[in-house]
Amino acid sequence: MVILASCGGLGSRGAGQRRSDGSTSSTTGAGHVATTAPRAPTTTTVPVPSHLPVPQPLAPSGGVSAIGPGVWTPTGRPVGGLPAVYETTLVPPGGVQPAGIAWMDTRLLSVQLYSGSVSPGGGPYRFTAPVQPTQAVSLVAAFNGGFKMDVAGGGYYTEGRLIDPLVAGAASLVIYADGSVTIGAWGSEVTMTPNVVAVRQNLVPLVAGGQPTAQAASPDWQTWGATCGATSCASSVPGIEQQWRSGVGVTADGALVYAAGPALDPLQLAQLLVRAGVVRGMQLDINPYWTVFVTYDPPIPGGLAAPSNGSKLLGATEQGPSTFFDPSWARDFVTVSARSASSA
């Protein structure tokens, strides 16, 4: 006769018991207790979007920055939880009034050229003032374009149309289909390719090879545009060299940098861009009424950029947060927007 042993004792040897710390124990055939390690808690990691290194502080040159020695302050709508725009002020060499500088992370931001009925003219255009809600939902910043085309010394291409012929050697802001941007001399540093969607030319290069160009340092400052007088823009008033000027450039790692100030000659504008790391740069519009840089920071994530949540780079600029939302604004301008719709 075969006698079956009780299964209760044998079965209990393999049964596991969960402890309060999440580990389990079991009894081996030899009567020993084996313990497994507790399970690690489950966490969800939010991926950090690709971004450029944060800009380093800028040393002052012969003056005192309005908010410290070129200290960068994050501003505007974050992108993927990260600041995409940093601003600072700096007194240019030989100057007394601080200029504003804005650094933009082109890995987080995409660039778009908006066209106006006066510059370049020749519309209608899909992208023109006012900024529409579809674009306002991701808008981070916007800044002025260049001269009217009859004095720009260059051409204009956008939305599949050549509005004015592109000029060899002209300083050119070039935007590509993926929203990336670069700046350089047309025909040598930048050229037309199938993925170019916009080209805005204005005069000749201001910065090349990380240094101000010979033209920037030329005593013939009138070649950089007709300026207003010290207190008036009346045509009968002689212009002055130190005037409101704006410029834009790219750094070696691809950041976009904008600079503007109330009392700049062409060389000082170039020096500000170089101080901020620009390797190739150009002058944009000049004189009090046309220079403006604005960031937008809606109070809720994914909210619409609007005049009510915009901030000027320099408080003294005549134009401001409402400029790009004004249907009557007839000049070209540039927007930078979040590459991802998920802004923090």
C-alpha atoms as a PDB file:
ATOM      1  CA  MET A   1       0.000   0.000   0.000  1.00  0.00           C
ATOM      2  CA  VAL A   2       1.298   3.420  -0.852  1.00  0.00           C
ATOM      3  CA  ILE A   3       0.830   5.994   1.862  1.00  0.00           C
ATOM      4  CA  LEU A   4       0.511   9.598   0.641  1.00  0.00           C
ATOM      5  CA  ALA A   5       2.227  12.128   2.834  1.00  0.00           C
ATOM      6  CA  SER A   6       0.344  15.184   3.880  1.00  0.00           C
ATOM      7  CA  CYS A   7       0.820  17.936   1.261  1.00  0.00           C
ATOM      8  CA  GLY A   8       0.293  20.747   3.729  1.00  0.00           C
ATOM      9  CA  GLY A   9       3.831  20.669   5.171  1.00  0.00           C
ATOM     10  CA  LEU A  10       5.609  20.256   1.864  1.00  0.00           C
ATOM     11  CA  GLY A  11       3.519  22.903   0.122  1.00  0.00           C
ATOM     12  CA  SER A  12       4.266  25.463   2.799  1.00  0.00           C
ATOM     13  CA  ARG A  13       7.980  25.227   2.079  1.00  0.00           C
ATOM     14  CA  GLY A  14       7.553  26.860  -1.326  1.00  0.00           C
ATOM     15  CA  ALA A  15       4.938  29.426  -0.340  1.00  0.00           C
ATOM     16  CA  GLY A  16       6.164  33.005  -0.347  1.00  0.00           C
ATOM     17  CA  GLN A  17       5.269  35.636   2.210  1.00  0.00           C
ATOM     18  CA  ARG A  18       5.301  39.372   1.359  1.00  0.00           C
ATOM     19  CA  ARG A  19       6.873  41.667   3.912  1.00  0.00           C
ATOM     20  CA  SER A  20       6.001  45.274   4.634  1.00  0.00           C
ATOM     21  CA  ASP A  21       9.063  46.543   2.737  1.00  0.00           C
ATOM     22  CA  GLY A  22       7.924  44.876  -0.490  1.00  0.00           C
ATOM     23  CA  SER A  23      10.347  41.885  -0.260  1.00  0.00           C
ATOM     24  CA  THR A  24       9.194  38.275  -0.266  1.00  0.00           C
ATOM     25  CA  SER A  25      10.432  35.240   1.672  1.00  0.00           C
ATOM     26  CA  SER A  26      10.125  31.522   1.011  1.00  0.00           C
ATOM     27  CA  THR A  27      11.161  28.368   2.871  1.00  0.00           C
ATOM     28  CA  THR A  28      13.575  26.099   1.020  1.00  0.00           C
ATOM     29  CA  GLY A  29      13.549  22.317   1.215  1.00  0.00           C
ATOM     30  CA  ALA A  30      16.316  22.486   3.809  1.00  0.00           C
ATOM     31  CA  GLY A  31      14.217  24.678   6.009  1.00  0.00           C
ATOM     32  CA  HIS A  32      16.162  27.831   5.244  1.00  0.00           C
ATOM     33  CA  VAL A  33      14.388  31.120   4.485  1.00  0.00           C
ATOM     34  CA  ALA A  34      15.352  32.883   1.229  1.00  0.00           C
ATOM     35  CA  THR A  35      14.534  36.575   0.865  1.00  0.00           C
ATOM     36  CA  THR A  36      14.267  38.535  -2.408  1.00  0.00           C
ATOM     37  CA  ALA A  37      15.101  42.240  -2.680  1.00  0.00           C
ATOM     38  CA  PRO A  38      12.218  44.732  -2.561  1.00  0.00           C
ATOM     39  CA  ARG A  39      10.890  45.982  -5.859  1.00  0.00           C
ATOM     40  CA  ALA A  40      12.126  49.412  -6.955  1.00  0.00           C
ATOM     41  CA  PRO A  41       9.385  52.025  -7.145  1.00  0.00           C
ATOM     42  CA  THR A  42       8.120  52.785 -10.640  1.00  0.00           C
ATOM     43  CA  THR A  43       8.889  56.335 -11.862  1.00  0.00           C
ATOM     44  CA  THR A  44       8.059  58.176 -15.058  1.00  0.00           C
ATOM     45  CA  THR A  45      10.892  60.191 -16.606  1.00  0.00           C
ATOM     46  CA  VAL A  46       9.942  63.231 -18.660  1.00  0.00           C
ATOM     47  CA  PRO A  47      12.420  63.585 -21.532  1.00  0.00           C
ATOM     48  CA  VAL A  48      14.299  66.873 -21.673  1.00  0.00           C
ATOM     49  CA  PRO A  49      14.111  68.412 -25.160  1.00  0.00           C
ATOM     50  CA  SER A  50      17.310  69.027 -27.084  1.00  0.00           C
ATOM     51  CA  HIS A  51      18.573  72.486 -26.247  1.00  0.00           C
ATOM     52  CA  LEU A  52      21.644  74.694 -26.473  1.00  0.00           C
ATOM     53  CA  PRO A  53      23.915  75.420 -23.496  1.00  0.00           C
ATOM     54  CA  VAL A  54      22.744  78.374 -21.397  1.00  0.00           C
ATOM     55  CA  PRO A  55      24.610  81.561 -22.398  1.00  0.00           C
ATOM     56  CA  GLN A  56      27.411  82.676 -20.110  1.00  0.00           C
ATOM     57  CA  PRO A  57      27.462  86.130 -18.441  1.00  0.00           C
ATOM     58  CA  LEU A  58      28.932  88.935 -20.537  1.00  0.00           C
ATOM     59  CA  ALA A  59      31.697  91.093 -19.127  1.00  0.00           C
ATOM     60  CA  PRO A  60      30.978  94.827 -19.241  1.00  0.00           C
ATOM     61  CA  SER A  61      33.166  97.058 -21.387  1.00  0.00           C
ATOM     62  CA  GLY A  62      33.870 100.539 -20.116  1.00  0.00           C
ATOM     63  CA  GLY A  63      30.471 100.868 -18.474  1.00  0.00           C
ATOM     64  CA  VAL A  64      28.058  99.262 -16.054  1.00  0.00           C
ATOM     65  CA  SER A  65      25.228  97.039 -17.182  1.00  0.00           C
ATOM     66  CA  ALA A  66      21.776  98.138 -16.076  1.00  0.00           C
ATOM     67  CA  ILE A  67      21.127  94.819 -14.334  1.00  0.00           C
ATOM     68  CA  GLY A  68      24.664  93.670 -13.630  1.00  0.00           C
ATOM     69  CA  PRO A  69      27.674  92.655 -15.726  1.00  0.00           C
ATOM     70  CA  GLY A  70      25.794  91.165 -18.635  1.00  0.00           C
ATOM     71  CA  VAL A  71      23.739  88.828 -16.465  1.00  0.00           C
ATOM     72  CA  TRP A  72      21.250  86.833 -18.546  1.00  0.00           C
ATOM     73  CA  THR A  73      17.659  86.597 -17.351  1.00  0.00           C
ATOM     74  CA  PRO A  74      15.278  83.952 -18.754  1.00  0.00           C
ATOM     75  CA  THR A  75      12.145  85.475 -20.188  1.00  0.00           C
ATOM     76  CA  GLY A  76       9.144  84.548 -22.293  1.00  0.00           C
ATOM     77  CA  ARG A  77       7.136  81.362 -22.679  1.00  0.00           C
ATOM     78  CA  PRO A  78       9.135  78.243 -21.653  1.00  0.00           C
ATOM     79  CA  VAL A  79       9.434  75.443 -24.189  1.00  0.00           C
ATOM     80  CA  GLY A  80       9.292  71.897 -22.856  1.00  0.00           C
ATOM     81  CA  GLY A  81       9.814  73.318 -19.378  1.00  0.00           C
ATOM     82  CA  LEU A  82      13.003  75.136 -20.386  1.00  0.00           C
ATOM     83  CA  PRO A  83      13.718  78.835 -20.949  1.00  0.00           C
ATOM     84  CA  ALA A  84      14.099  79.470 -24.675  1.00  0.00           C
ATOM     85  CA  VAL A  85      15.006  83.170 -24.533  1.00  0.00           C
ATOM     86  CA  TYR A  86      17.467  84.985 -22.285  1.00  0.00           C
ATOM     87  CA  GLU A  87      17.905  88.767 -22.118  1.00  0.00           C
ATOM     88  CA  THR A  88      20.491  91.148 -20.736  1.00  0.00           C
ATOM     89  CA  THR A  89      21.643  94.750 -21.085  1.00  0.00           C
ATOM     90  CA  LEU A  90      25.158  95.968 -21.714  1.00  0.00           C
ATOM     91  CA  VAL A  91      26.814  99.316 -22.309  1.00  0.00           C
ATOM     92  CA  PRO A  92      28.746  99.198 -25.609  1.00  0.00           C
ATOM     93  CA  PRO A  93      32.413 100.242 -25.799  1.00  0.00           C
ATOM     94  CA  GLY A  94      32.581 104.022 -25.659  1.00  0.00           C
ATOM     95  CA  GLY A  95      28.872 104.284 -24.842  1.00  0.00           C
ATOM     96  CA  VAL A  96      26.937 105.535 -21.861  1.00  0.00           C
ATOM     97  CA  GLN A  97      23.451 104.084 -22.403  1.00  0.00           C
ATOM     98  CA  PRO A  98      22.733 100.355 -22.047  1.00  0.00           C
ATOM     99  CA  ALA A  99      21.634  98.370 -25.065  1.00  0.00           C
ATOM    100  CA  GLY A 100      19.481  95.258 -24.921  1.00  0.00           C
ATOM    101  CA  ILE A 101      20.590  91.807 -26.070  1.00  0.00           C
ATOM    102  CA  ALA A 102      18.347  88.750 -26.507  1.00  0.00           C
ATOM    103  CA  TRP A 103      19.661  85.195 -26.937  1.00  0.00           C
ATOM    104  CA  MET A 104      17.336  82.614 -28.515  1.00  0.00           C
ATOM    105  CA  ASP A 105      17.687  78.822 -28.407  1.00  0.00           C
ATOM    106  CA  THR A 106      17.059  77.680 -31.990  1.00  0.00           C
ATOM    107  CA  ARG A 107      16.791  74.052 -30.936  1.00  0.00           C
ATOM    108  CA  LEU A 108      13.692  74.942 -28.947  1.00  0.00           C
ATOM    109  CA  LEU A 109      12.417  77.638 -31.312  1.00  0.00           C
ATOM    110  CA  SER A 110      11.395  77.851 -34.954  1.00  0.00           C
ATOM    111  CA  VAL A 111      11.648  81.062 -36.982  1.00  0.00           C
ATOM    112  CA  GLN A 112       9.102  82.640 -39.355  1.00  0.00           C
ATOM    113  CA  LEU A 113       9.319  85.747 -41.557  1.00  0.00           C
ATOM    114  CA  TYR A 114       6.226  87.958 -41.606  1.00  0.00           C
ATOM    115  CA  SER A 115       5.793  90.360 -44.531  1.00  0.00           C
ATOM    116  CA  GLY A 116       4.151  93.775 -44.664  1.00  0.00           C
ATOM    117  CA  SER A 117       2.337  95.878 -47.238  1.00  0.00           C
ATOM    118  CA  VAL A 118       5.127  98.495 -47.114  1.00  0.00           C
ATOM    119  CA  SER A 119       8.138  96.258 -46.609  1.00  0.00           C
ATOM    120  CA  PRO A 120       8.510  94.325 -48.712  1.00  0.00           C
ATOM    121  CA  GLY A 121       5.158  95.220 -50.334  1.00  0.00           C
ATOM    122  CA  GLY A 122       3.780  93.086 -53.131  1.00  0.00           C
ATOM    123  CA  GLY A 123       1.331  91.031 -51.044  1.00  0.00           C
ATOM    124  CA  PRO A 124      -0.982  89.523 -50.105  1.00  0.00           C
ATOM    125  CA  TYR A 125       0.874  87.219 -47.741  1.00  0.00           C
ATOM    126  CA  ARG A 126      -0.161  84.305 -45.583  1.00  0.00           C
ATOM    127  CA  PHE A 127       2.140  85.486 -42.788  1.00  0.00           C
ATOM    128  CA  THR A 128       1.487  89.159 -42.152  1.00  0.00           C
ATOM    129  CA  ALA A 129       0.283  91.293 -39.260  1.00  0.00           C
ATOM    130  CA  PRO A 130      -1.664  90.676 -37.159  1.00  0.00           C
ATOM    131  CA  VAL A 131      -0.368  87.422 -35.677  1.00  0.00           C
ATOM    132  CA  GLN A 132      -3.281  84.980 -35.757  1.00  0.00           C
ATOM    133  CA  PRO A 133      -4.407  82.708 -32.872  1.00  0.00           C
ATOM    134  CA  THR A 134      -3.017  79.658 -34.687  1.00  0.00           C
ATOM    135  CA  GLN A 135       0.456  81.153 -34.391  1.00  0.00           C
ATOM    136  CA  ALA A 136      -0.119  82.976 -31.087  1.00  0.00           C
ATOM    137  CA  VAL A 137      -0.560  79.657 -29.278  1.00  0.00           C
ATOM    138  CA  SER A 138       3.176  78.958 -29.652  1.00  0.00           C
ATOM    139  CA  LEU A 139       4.612  82.474 -30.088  1.00  0.00           C
ATOM    140  CA  VAL A 140       7.571  83.185 -27.801  1.00  0.00           C
ATOM    141  CA  ALA A 141       9.107  86.372 -29.236  1.00  0.00           C
ATOM    142  CA  ALA A 142       9.100  88.726 -32.215  1.00  0.00           C
ATOM    143  CA  PHE A 143      11.412  91.435 -33.509  1.00  0.00           C
ATOM    144  CA  ASN A 144      11.635  94.019 -36.273  1.00  0.00           C
ATOM    145  CA  GLY A 145      12.844  93.375 -39.802  1.00  0.00           C
ATOM    146  CA  GLY A 146      14.963  95.552 -42.043  1.00  0.00           C
ATOM    147  CA  PHE A 147      14.796  98.654 -44.215  1.00  0.00           C
ATOM    148  CA  LYS A 148      12.263  99.358 -46.919  1.00  0.00           C
ATOM    149  CA  MET A 149      13.399  97.500 -49.998  1.00  0.00           C
ATOM    150  CA  ASP A 150      14.328 100.606 -52.008  1.00  0.00           C
ATOM    151  CA  VAL A 151      17.088 101.366 -49.477  1.00  0.00           C
ATOM    152  CA  ALA A 152      17.874  97.835 -48.206  1.00  0.00           C
ATOM    153  CA  GLY A 153      20.555  97.129 -50.778  1.00  0.00           C
ATOM    154  CA  GLY A 154      19.260  93.584 -51.112  1.00  0.00           C
ATOM    155  CA  GLY A 155      16.326  91.341 -51.956  1.00  0.00           C
ATOM    156  CA  TYR A 156      13.450  89.453 -50.388  1.00  0.00           C
ATOM    157  CA  TYR A 157      12.147  85.917 -50.908  1.00  0.00           C
ATOM    158  CA  THR A 158       9.213  84.352 -49.073  1.00  0.00           C
ATOM    159  CA  GLU A 159       6.236  82.010 -49.463  1.00  0.00           C
ATOM    160  CA  GLY A 160       7.621  80.652 -52.736  1.00  0.00           C
ATOM    161  CA  ARG A 161       7.936  84.096 -54.349  1.00  0.00           C
ATOM    162  CA  LEU A 162      10.894  86.298 -55.172  1.00  0.00           C
ATOM    163  CA  ILE A 163       9.624  89.730 -54.151  1.00  0.00           C
ATOM    164  CA  ASP A 164      12.912  91.549 -54.871  1.00  0.00           C
ATOM    165  CA  PRO A 165      16.008  90.063 -56.551  1.00  0.00           C
ATOM    166  CA  LEU A 166      18.561  88.622 -54.150  1.00  0.00           C
ATOM    167  CA  VAL A 167      21.912  90.416 -54.235  1.00  0.00           C
ATOM    168  CA  ALA A 168      25.291  88.657 -54.100  1.00  0.00           C
ATOM    169  CA  GLY A 169      27.283  89.626 -51.024  1.00  0.00           C
ATOM    170  CA  ALA A 170      24.288  91.126 -49.203  1.00  0.00           C
ATOM    171  CA  ALA A 171      23.778  90.315 -45.531  1.00  0.00           C
ATOM    172  CA  SER A 172      21.004  87.723 -45.452  1.00  0.00           C
ATOM    173  CA  LEU A 173      18.746  86.193 -42.818  1.00  0.00           C
ATOM    174  CA  VAL A 174      17.828  82.768 -44.218  1.00  0.00           C
ATOM    175  CA  ILE A 175      15.027  80.574 -42.863  1.00  0.00           C
ATOM    176  CA  TYR A 176      14.591  76.898 -43.729  1.00  0.00           C
ATOM    177  CA  ALA A 177      11.559  74.646 -43.972  1.00  0.00           C
ATOM    178  CA  ASP A 178      12.217  73.112 -40.542  1.00  0.00           C
ATOM    179  CA  GLY A 179      12.177  76.543 -38.893  1.00  0.00           C
ATOM    180  CA  SER A 180      15.944  76.763 -38.487  1.00  0.00           C
ATOM    181  CA  VAL A 181      17.762  79.981 -39.351  1.00  0.00           C
ATOM    182  CA  THR A 182      21.194  81.261 -40.293  1.00  0.00           C
ATOM    183  CA  ILE A 183      22.808  84.520 -41.350  1.00  0.00           C
ATOM    184  CA  GLY A 184      25.581  85.218 -43.825  1.00  0.00           C
ATOM    185  CA  ALA A 185      26.745  86.849 -47.035  1.00  0.00           C
ATOM    186  CA  TRP A 186      24.589  85.738 -49.954  1.00  0.00           C
ATOM    187  CA  GLY A 187      26.343  83.589 -52.540  1.00  0.00           C
ATOM    188  CA  SER A 188      29.274  82.607 -50.332  1.00  0.00           C
ATOM    189  CA  GLU A 189      28.143  81.797 -46.799  1.00  0.00           C
ATOM    190  CA  VAL A 190      24.482  81.185 -47.645  1.00  0.00           C
ATOM    191  CA  THR A 191      22.821  80.235 -50.942  1.00  0.00           C
ATOM    192  CA  MET A 192      19.443  79.179 -52.295  1.00  0.00           C
ATOM    193  CA  THR A 193      18.602  75.522 -51.680  1.00  0.00           C
ATOM    194  CA  PRO A 194      15.340  73.554 -52.028  1.00  0.00           C
ATOM    195  CA  ASN A 195      14.614  73.839 -48.283  1.00  0.00           C
ATOM    196  CA  VAL A 196      15.003  77.639 -48.087  1.00  0.00           C
ATOM    197  CA  VAL A 197      11.607  79.227 -47.388  1.00  0.00           C
ATOM    198  CA  ALA A 198      12.593  82.851 -46.724  1.00  0.00           C
ATOM    199  CA  VAL A 199      15.478  85.243 -47.318  1.00  0.00           C
ATOM    200  CA  ARG A 200      15.535  88.779 -45.916  1.00  0.00           C
ATOM    201  CA  GLN A 201      18.537  90.848 -47.069  1.00  0.00           C
ATOM    202  CA  ASN A 202      19.640  94.158 -45.559  1.00  0.00           C
ATOM    203  CA  LEU A 203      22.841  95.994 -46.515  1.00  0.00           C
ATOM    204  CA  VAL A 204      26.179  94.171 -46.123  1.00  0.00           C
ATOM    205  CA  PRO A 205      27.486  91.970 -43.289  1.00  0.00           C
ATOM    206  CA  LEU A 206      28.078  93.733 -39.964  1.00  0.00           C
ATOM    207  CA  VAL A 207      29.899  90.802 -38.320  1.00  0.00           C
ATOM    208  CA  ALA A 208      31.948  88.125 -40.114  1.00  0.00           C
ATOM    209  CA  GLY A 209      34.307  85.528 -38.687  1.00  0.00           C
ATOM    210  CA  GLY A 210      33.353  86.566 -35.170  1.00  0.00           C
ATOM    211  CA  GLN A 211      34.595  90.147 -35.671  1.00  0.00           C
ATOM    212  CA  PRO A 212      33.099  93.469 -36.799  1.00  0.00           C
ATOM    213  CA  THR A 213      33.593  93.905 -40.527  1.00  0.00           C
ATOM    214  CA  ALA A 214      35.709  96.679 -42.020  1.00  0.00           C
ATOM    215  CA  GLN A 215      32.479  98.335 -43.187  1.00  0.00           C
ATOM    216  CA  ALA A 216      31.175  98.359 -39.606  1.00  0.00           C
ATOM    217  CA  ALA A 217      34.235 100.315 -38.510  1.00  0.00           C
ATOM    218  CA  SER A 218      34.172 102.683 -41.500  1.00  0.00           C
ATOM    219  CA  PRO A 219      33.903 106.412 -40.711  1.00  0.00           C
ATOM    220  CA  ASP A 220      31.302 106.607 -43.486  1.00  0.00           C
ATOM    221  CA  TRP A 221      28.513 105.631 -41.105  1.00  0.00           C
ATOM    222  CA  GLN A 222      25.838 107.026 -43.468  1.00  0.00           C
ATOM    223  CA  THR A 223      26.234 103.886 -45.593  1.00  0.00           C
ATOM    224  CA  TRP A 224      24.401 102.091 -42.773  1.00  0.00           C
ATOM    225  CA  GLY A 225      21.232 104.118 -43.344  1.00  0.00           C
ATOM    226  CA  ALA A 226      19.829 107.606 -42.985  1.00  0.00           C
ATOM    227  CA  THR A 227      19.271 108.420 -39.321  1.00  0.00           C
ATOM    228  CA  CYS A 228      17.081 110.843 -37.419  1.00  0.00           C
ATOM    229  CA  GLY A 229      18.360 113.811 -35.472  1.00  0.00           C
ATOM    230  CA  ALA A 230      18.873 113.834 -31.730  1.00  0.00           C
ATOM    231  CA  THR A 231      15.304 114.922 -31.019  1.00  0.00           C
ATOM    232  CA  SER A 232      13.432 114.723 -34.317  1.00  0.00           C
ATOM    233  CA  CYS A 233      13.031 112.608 -37.426  1.00  0.00           C
ATOM    234  CA  ALA A 234      11.961 115.547 -39.591  1.00  0.00           C
ATOM    235  CA  SER A 235      13.565 115.351 -43.031  1.00  0.00           C
ATOM    236  CA  SER A 236      15.137 118.765 -42.559  1.00  0.00           C
ATOM    237  CA  VAL A 237      16.991 117.698 -39.389  1.00  0.00           C
ATOM    238  CA  PRO A 238      20.492 116.294 -39.921  1.00  0.00           C
ATOM    239  CA  GLY A 239      20.920 112.731 -38.702  1.00  0.00           C
ATOM    240  CA  ILE A 240      23.331 111.614 -36.005  1.00  0.00           C
ATOM    241  CA  GLU A 241      25.683 108.624 -35.926  1.00  0.00           C
ATOM    242  CA  GLN A 242      24.682 107.369 -32.463  1.00  0.00           C
ATOM    243  CA  GLN A 243      21.101 106.377 -33.163  1.00  0.00           C
ATOM    244  CA  TRP A 244      18.593 103.661 -32.349  1.00  0.00           C
ATOM    245  CA  ARG A 245      19.917 100.616 -34.220  1.00  0.00           C
ATOM    246  CA  SER A 246      19.099  96.918 -34.219  1.00  0.00           C
ATOM    247  CA  GLY A 247      20.919  93.867 -35.487  1.00  0.00           C
ATOM    248  CA  VAL A 248      20.798  90.088 -35.453  1.00  0.00           C
ATOM    249  CA  GLY A 249      23.359  87.317 -35.712  1.00  0.00           C
ATOM    250  CA  VAL A 250      24.101  83.654 -35.117  1.00  0.00           C
ATOM    251  CA  THR A 251      26.601  82.080 -32.729  1.00  0.00           C
ATOM    252  CA  ALA A 252      28.930  79.195 -33.521  1.00  0.00           C
ATOM    253  CA  ASP A 253      26.480  76.703 -31.974  1.00  0.00           C
ATOM    254  CA  GLY A 254      23.467  78.157 -33.808  1.00  0.00           C
ATOM    255  CA  ALA A 255      21.818  80.453 -31.258  1.00  0.00           C
ATOM    256  CA  LEU A 256      20.078  83.522 -32.665  1.00  0.00           C
ATOM    257  CA  VAL A 257      21.067  86.829 -31.029  1.00  0.00           C
ATOM    258  CA  TYR A 258      19.288  90.169 -31.348  1.00  0.00           C
ATOM    259  CA  ALA A 259      20.682  93.491 -30.126  1.00  0.00           C
ATOM    260  CA  ALA A 260      19.275  97.013 -30.076  1.00  0.00           C
ATOM    261  CA  GLY A 261      20.075 100.266 -28.350  1.00  0.00           C
ATOM    262  CA  PRO A 262      19.244 103.969 -28.306  1.00  0.00           C
ATOM    263  CA  ALA A 263      22.682 105.461 -28.980  1.00  0.00           C
ATOM    264  CA  LEU A 264      24.654 103.103 -31.186  1.00  0.00           C
ATOM    265  CA  ASP A 265      26.946 103.624 -34.134  1.00  0.00           C
ATOM    266  CA  PRO A 266      27.403 100.677 -36.537  1.00  0.00           C
ATOM    267  CA  LEU A 267      30.642  99.538 -34.887  1.00  0.00           C
ATOM    268  CA  GLN A 268      29.119  99.534 -31.394  1.00  0.00           C
ATOM    269  CA  LEU A 269      26.205  97.435 -32.630  1.00  0.00           C
ATOM    270  CA  ALA A 270      28.666  94.989 -34.158  1.00  0.00           C
ATOM    271  CA  GLN A 271      30.692  94.884 -30.927  1.00  0.00           C
ATOM    272  CA  LEU A 272      27.607  94.076 -28.876  1.00  0.00           C
ATOM    273  CA  LEU A 273      26.760  91.159 -31.162  1.00  0.00           C
ATOM    274  CA  VAL A 274      30.345  89.892 -31.007  1.00  0.00           C
ATOM    275  CA  ARG A 275      30.371  90.175 -27.198  1.00  0.00           C
ATOM    276  CA  ALA A 276      27.315  87.892 -27.186  1.00  0.00           C
ATOM    277  CA  GLY A 277      29.145  85.285 -29.280  1.00  0.00           C
ATOM    278  CA  VAL A 278      27.892  86.145 -32.772  1.00  0.00           C
ATOM    279  CA  VAL A 279      30.083  84.890 -35.620  1.00  0.00           C
ATOM    280  CA  ARG A 280      27.976  86.279 -38.508  1.00  0.00           C
ATOM    281  CA  GLY A 281      25.635  89.221 -38.128  1.00  0.00           C
ATOM    282  CA  MET A 282      23.717  91.961 -39.906  1.00  0.00           C
ATOM    283  CA  GLN A 283      22.077  95.285 -39.142  1.00  0.00           C
ATOM    284  CA  LEU A 284      18.302  95.408 -39.200  1.00  0.00           C
ATOM    285  CA  ASP A 285      16.118  98.532 -39.006  1.00  0.00           C
ATOM    286  CA  ILE A 286      17.231 101.758 -37.319  1.00  0.00           C
ATOM    287  CA  ASN A 287      15.723 104.955 -35.832  1.00  0.00           C
ATOM    288  CA  PRO A 288      13.319 105.241 -32.887  1.00  0.00           C
ATOM    289  CA  TYR A 289      10.064 104.120 -34.468  1.00  0.00           C
ATOM    290  CA  TRP A 290      11.199 100.806 -35.963  1.00  0.00           C
ATOM    291  CA  THR A 291      13.402  98.898 -33.495  1.00  0.00           C
ATOM    292  CA  VAL A 292      11.572  96.491 -31.170  1.00  0.00           C
ATOM    293  CA  PHE A 293      11.993  93.094 -29.516  1.00  0.00           C
ATOM    294  CA  VAL A 294       9.181  91.547 -27.458  1.00  0.00           C
ATOM    295  CA  THR A 295       8.770  88.275 -25.572  1.00  0.00           C
ATOM    296  CA  TYR A 296       5.398  86.755 -24.662  1.00  0.00           C
ATOM    297  CA  ASP A 297       4.593  84.663 -21.600  1.00  0.00           C
ATOM    298  CA  PRO A 298       0.920  83.651 -21.303  1.00  0.00           C
ATOM    299  CA  PRO A 299      -0.199  83.007 -17.711  1.00  0.00           C
ATOM    300  CA  ILE A 300      -1.316  79.449 -18.481  1.00  0.00           C
ATOM    301  CA  PRO A 301       0.564  76.750 -20.440  1.00  0.00           C
ATOM    302  CA  GLY A 302      -0.561  76.653 -24.037  1.00  0.00           C
ATOM    303  CA  GLY A 303      -2.201  80.054 -23.748  1.00  0.00           C
ATOM    304  CA  LEU A 304      -2.258  82.615 -26.522  1.00  0.00           C
ATOM    305  CA  ALA A 305       0.473  85.219 -26.758  1.00  0.00           C
ATOM    306  CA  ALA A 306      -1.138  88.636 -26.605  1.00  0.00           C
ATOM    307  CA  PRO A 307      -0.226  92.271 -25.942  1.00  0.00           C
ATOM    308  CA  SER A 308      -1.312  91.795 -22.331  1.00  0.00           C
ATOM    309  CA  ASN A 309       1.413  89.191 -21.663  1.00  0.00           C
ATOM    310  CA  GLY A 310       4.197  90.735 -23.737  1.00  0.00           C
ATOM    311  CA  SER A 311       7.377  92.407 -22.429  1.00  0.00           C
ATOM    312  CA  LYS A 312       9.780  94.706 -24.260  1.00  0.00           C
ATOM    313  CA  LEU A 313      13.517  94.068 -24.281  1.00  0.00           C
ATOM    314  CA  LEU A 314      14.046  97.782 -23.709  1.00  0.00           C
ATOM    315  CA  GLY A 315      11.327  99.841 -22.100  1.00  0.00           C
ATOM    316  CA  ALA A 316      12.228 102.909 -24.153  1.00  0.00           C
ATOM    317  CA  THR A 317      11.334 101.450 -27.558  1.00  0.00           C
ATOM    318  CA  GLU A 318       8.346 103.164 -29.142  1.00  0.00           C
ATOM    319  CA  GLN A 319       6.900  99.914 -30.454  1.00  0.00           C
ATOM    320  CA  GLY A 320       5.874  97.159 -28.062  1.00  0.00           C
ATOM    321  CA  PRO A 321       3.816  93.992 -27.419  1.00  0.00           C
ATOM    322  CA  SER A 322       0.814  95.205 -29.441  1.00  0.00           C
ATOM    323  CA  THR A 323       2.825  95.990 -32.587  1.00  0.00           C
ATOM    324  CA  PHE A 324       2.702  92.513 -34.083  1.00  0.00           C
ATOM    325  CA  PHE A 325      -1.009  92.165 -33.315  1.00  0.00           C
ATOM    326  CA  ASP A 326      -1.878  95.426 -35.075  1.00  0.00           C
ATOM    327  CA  PRO A 327      -3.537  94.862 -38.483  1.00  0.00           C
ATOM    328  CA  SER A 328      -2.142  98.196 -39.673  1.00  0.00           C
ATOM    329  CA  TRP A 329       1.497  97.242 -39.024  1.00  0.00           C
ATOM    330  CA  ALA A 330       2.957  97.380 -42.539  1.00  0.00           C
ATOM    331  CA  ARG A 331       6.592  96.384 -41.977  1.00  0.00           C
ATOM    332  CA  ASP A 332       8.180  92.955 -42.049  1.00  0.00           C
ATOM    333  CA  PHE A 333       9.118  91.249 -38.799  1.00  0.00           C
ATOM    334  CA  VAL A 334      10.397  87.911 -37.510  1.00  0.00           C
ATOM    335  CA  THR A 335       8.732  85.582 -35.013  1.00  0.00           C
ATOM    336  CA  VAL A 336      10.253  82.773 -32.943  1.00  0.00           C
ATOM    337  CA  SER A 337       7.858  80.113 -31.701  1.00  0.00           C
ATOM    338  CA  ALA A 338       7.971  76.950 -29.620  1.00  0.00           C
ATOM    339  CA  ARG A 339       8.927  73.910 -31.664  1.00  0.00           C
ATOM    340  CA  SER A 340       6.707  71.795 -29.417  1.00  0.00           C
ATOM    341  CA  ALA A 341       3.085  72.615 -28.644  1.00  0.00           C
ATOM    342  CA  SER A 342       3.650  71.461 -25.063  1.00  0.00           C
ATOM    343  CA  SER A 343       4.988  74.506 -23.258  1.00  0.00           C
ATOM    344  CA  ALA A 344       5.385  74.577 -19.528  1.00  0.00           C
END
